[in-house]
């Protein structure tokens, strides 16, 4: 995420970059030392998408200020 936004790790922290997922569970996080997108907890496809062939989890990256 840091590379895609052309920000260094300090700028990620200073700009208040955060991830927001649909629903109440936060499935993804930003790794503090690398800026990589990582899973924040175990994702159970069968529980989330029981009868759906294509399972998609969406999240938004929120950055304060202008890019």
N, C-alpha and C. Protein backbone atom coordinates (compact mmCIF):
# COMPACT_ATOMS: atom_id res chain seq x y z
N UNK A 1 0.84 -1.19 0.00
CA UNK A 1 0.00 0.00 0.00
C UNK A 1 0.88 1.25 0.00
N UNK A 2 1.93 1.24 0.82
CA UNK A 2 2.82 2.40 0.86
C UNK A 2 3.40 2.69 -0.52
N UNK A 3 3.86 1.64 -1.20
CA UNK A 3 4.44 1.81 -2.54
C UNK A 3 3.38 2.31 -3.53
N UNK A 4 2.18 1.73 -3.49
CA UNK A 4 1.12 2.13 -4.41
C UNK A 4 0.71 3.59 -4.21
N UNK A 5 0.78 4.07 -2.98
CA UNK A 5 0.43 5.46 -2.69
C UNK A 5 1.62 6.40 -2.80
N UNK A 6 2.79 5.85 -3.10
CA UNK A 6 4.04 6.62 -3.20
C UNK A 6 4.33 7.38 -1.90
N UNK A 7 4.13 6.68 -0.77
CA UNK A 7 4.40 7.26 0.54
C UNK A 7 5.42 6.38 1.26
N UNK A 8 6.27 7.00 2.07
CA UNK A 8 7.16 6.19 2.91
C UNK A 8 6.41 5.82 4.19
N UNK A 9 7.01 4.96 5.00
CA UNK A 9 6.32 4.46 6.19
C UNK A 9 5.98 5.56 7.18
N UNK A 10 6.85 6.53 7.34
CA UNK A 10 6.57 7.65 8.25
C UNK A 10 5.37 8.44 7.76
N UNK A 11 5.28 8.65 6.45
CA UNK A 11 4.15 9.40 5.88
C UNK A 11 2.84 8.63 6.07
N UNK A 12 2.87 7.30 5.99
CA UNK A 12 1.66 6.51 6.25
C UNK A 12 1.12 6.81 7.64
N UNK A 13 2.02 6.84 8.60
CA UNK A 13 1.61 7.11 9.98
C UNK A 13 1.16 8.55 10.14
N UNK A 14 1.94 9.49 9.62
CA UNK A 14 1.62 10.92 9.77
C UNK A 14 0.32 11.31 9.08
N UNK A 15 -0.02 10.65 7.98
CA UNK A 15 -1.23 10.98 7.22
C UNK A 15 -2.45 10.23 7.74
N UNK A 16 -2.27 9.41 8.77
CA UNK A 16 -3.40 8.70 9.36
C UNK A 16 -4.02 7.69 8.42
N UNK A 17 -3.20 7.01 7.63
CA UNK A 17 -3.72 6.01 6.69
C UNK A 17 -4.35 4.88 7.49
N UNK A 18 -5.57 4.51 7.09
CA UNK A 18 -6.27 3.43 7.78
C UNK A 18 -7.11 2.65 6.77
N UNK A 19 -7.47 1.45 7.15
CA UNK A 19 -8.29 0.58 6.31
C UNK A 19 -9.67 0.45 6.94
N UNK A 20 -10.69 0.47 6.09
CA UNK A 20 -12.06 0.31 6.54
C UNK A 20 -12.69 -0.81 5.72
N UNK A 21 -13.24 -1.81 6.41
CA UNK A 21 -13.88 -2.94 5.75
C UNK A 21 -15.39 -2.81 5.86
N UNK A 22 -16.10 -3.46 4.92
CA UNK A 22 -17.56 -3.53 5.00
C UNK A 22 -17.94 -4.36 6.22
N UNK A 23 -19.05 -4.02 6.85
CA UNK A 23 -19.48 -4.80 8.01
C UNK A 23 -18.70 -4.40 9.24
N UNK A 24 -18.83 -5.20 10.28
CA UNK A 24 -18.21 -4.86 11.55
C UNK A 24 -16.85 -5.46 11.79
N UNK A 25 -16.40 -6.37 10.93
CA UNK A 25 -15.13 -7.06 11.16
C UNK A 25 -14.04 -6.47 10.29
N UNK A 26 -12.89 -6.21 10.91
CA UNK A 26 -11.74 -5.67 10.20
C UNK A 26 -10.85 -6.85 9.79
N UNK A 27 -10.93 -7.26 8.51
CA UNK A 27 -10.18 -8.42 8.04
C UNK A 27 -8.76 -8.08 7.60
N UNK A 28 -8.49 -6.83 7.31
CA UNK A 28 -7.18 -6.43 6.79
C UNK A 28 -6.56 -5.35 7.65
N UNK A 29 -5.23 -5.25 7.59
CA UNK A 29 -4.49 -4.24 8.33
C UNK A 29 -3.26 -3.85 7.52
N UNK A 30 -2.63 -2.75 7.90
CA UNK A 30 -1.35 -2.36 7.31
C UNK A 30 -0.24 -2.79 8.25
N UNK A 31 0.74 -3.49 7.71
CA UNK A 31 1.89 -3.91 8.51
C UNK A 31 2.71 -2.66 8.81
N UNK A 32 2.95 -2.39 10.07
CA UNK A 32 3.60 -1.15 10.48
C UNK A 32 5.02 -0.96 9.99
N UNK A 33 5.77 -2.05 9.81
CA UNK A 33 7.17 -1.92 9.41
C UNK A 33 7.39 -1.99 7.91
N UNK A 34 6.40 -2.52 7.17
CA UNK A 34 6.59 -2.68 5.73
C UNK A 34 5.60 -1.87 4.89
N UNK A 35 4.44 -1.53 5.45
CA UNK A 35 3.41 -0.85 4.69
C UNK A 35 2.61 -1.80 3.81
N UNK A 36 2.80 -3.12 4.01
CA UNK A 36 2.07 -4.12 3.23
C UNK A 36 0.67 -4.32 3.78
N UNK A 37 -0.24 -4.71 2.89
CA UNK A 37 -1.59 -5.10 3.28
C UNK A 37 -1.53 -6.54 3.76
N UNK A 38 -2.01 -6.80 4.97
CA UNK A 38 -1.98 -8.15 5.55
C UNK A 38 -3.35 -8.49 6.11
N UNK A 39 -3.60 -9.77 6.31
CA UNK A 39 -4.85 -10.17 6.94
C UNK A 39 -4.72 -9.92 8.44
N UNK A 40 -5.77 -9.35 9.03
CA UNK A 40 -5.75 -9.03 10.45
C UNK A 40 -6.22 -10.21 11.29
N UNK A 41 -6.95 -11.12 10.69
CA UNK A 41 -7.41 -12.31 11.39
C UNK A 41 -7.75 -13.39 10.37
N UNK A 42 -8.04 -14.56 10.86
CA UNK A 42 -8.37 -15.69 9.99
C UNK A 42 -9.65 -15.37 9.22
N UNK A 43 -9.65 -15.66 7.91
CA UNK A 43 -10.82 -15.41 7.08
C UNK A 43 -11.41 -16.76 6.69
N UNK A 44 -12.65 -17.00 7.12
CA UNK A 44 -13.34 -18.26 6.85
C UNK A 44 -14.30 -18.06 5.68
N UNK A 45 -13.87 -18.48 4.48
CA UNK A 45 -14.68 -18.30 3.28
C UNK A 45 -16.05 -18.95 3.40
N UNK A 46 -16.11 -20.16 3.96
CA UNK A 46 -17.38 -20.87 4.07
C UNK A 46 -18.37 -20.12 4.96
N UNK A 47 -17.87 -19.47 5.98
CA UNK A 47 -18.75 -18.70 6.87
C UNK A 47 -19.22 -17.41 6.20
N UNK A 48 -18.34 -16.74 5.47
CA UNK A 48 -18.67 -15.46 4.86
C UNK A 48 -19.51 -15.58 3.60
N UNK A 49 -19.21 -16.57 2.78
CA UNK A 49 -19.81 -16.66 1.44
C UNK A 49 -20.37 -18.07 1.20
N UNK A 50 -21.26 -18.48 2.03
CA UNK A 50 -21.77 -19.86 1.98
C UNK A 50 -22.23 -20.30 0.60
N UNK A 51 -23.12 -19.55 -0.01
CA UNK A 51 -23.74 -19.97 -1.26
C UNK A 51 -23.28 -19.17 -2.47
N UNK A 52 -22.24 -18.37 -2.30
CA UNK A 52 -21.76 -17.52 -3.37
C UNK A 52 -20.50 -18.13 -3.97
N UNK A 53 -20.48 -18.27 -5.31
CA UNK A 53 -19.32 -18.87 -5.97
C UNK A 53 -18.09 -17.97 -5.88
N UNK A 54 -18.28 -16.68 -6.12
CA UNK A 54 -17.17 -15.72 -6.10
C UNK A 54 -17.26 -14.92 -4.80
N UNK A 55 -16.31 -15.12 -3.92
CA UNK A 55 -16.30 -14.47 -2.61
C UNK A 55 -15.36 -13.25 -2.67
N UNK A 56 -15.90 -12.07 -2.40
CA UNK A 56 -15.12 -10.84 -2.48
C UNK A 56 -15.24 -10.09 -1.16
N UNK A 57 -14.11 -9.71 -0.60
CA UNK A 57 -14.07 -8.86 0.59
C UNK A 57 -13.52 -7.51 0.16
N UNK A 58 -14.27 -6.48 0.42
CA UNK A 58 -13.85 -5.14 0.02
C UNK A 58 -13.37 -4.35 1.24
N UNK A 59 -12.38 -3.52 0.99
CA UNK A 59 -11.94 -2.58 2.03
C UNK A 59 -11.50 -1.31 1.33
N UNK A 60 -11.53 -0.23 2.07
CA UNK A 60 -11.10 1.06 1.54
C UNK A 60 -9.87 1.53 2.30
N UNK A 61 -8.98 2.19 1.60
CA UNK A 61 -7.81 2.81 2.20
C UNK A 61 -8.14 4.29 2.34
N UNK A 62 -8.15 4.79 3.56
CA UNK A 62 -8.45 6.20 3.85
C UNK A 62 -7.14 6.92 4.15
N UNK A 63 -6.87 8.00 3.42
CA UNK A 63 -5.68 8.81 3.63
C UNK A 63 -6.10 10.23 3.91
N UNK A 64 -5.65 10.79 5.01
CA UNK A 64 -5.97 12.19 5.32
C UNK A 64 -5.07 13.10 4.51
N UNK A 65 -5.62 14.21 4.05
CA UNK A 65 -4.84 15.16 3.27
C UNK A 65 -4.86 14.81 1.79
N UNK A 66 -4.16 15.61 1.00
CA UNK A 66 -4.14 15.41 -0.45
C UNK A 66 -2.99 14.51 -0.87
N UNK A 67 -3.21 13.76 -1.95
CA UNK A 67 -2.14 12.95 -2.54
C UNK A 67 -1.62 13.62 -3.78
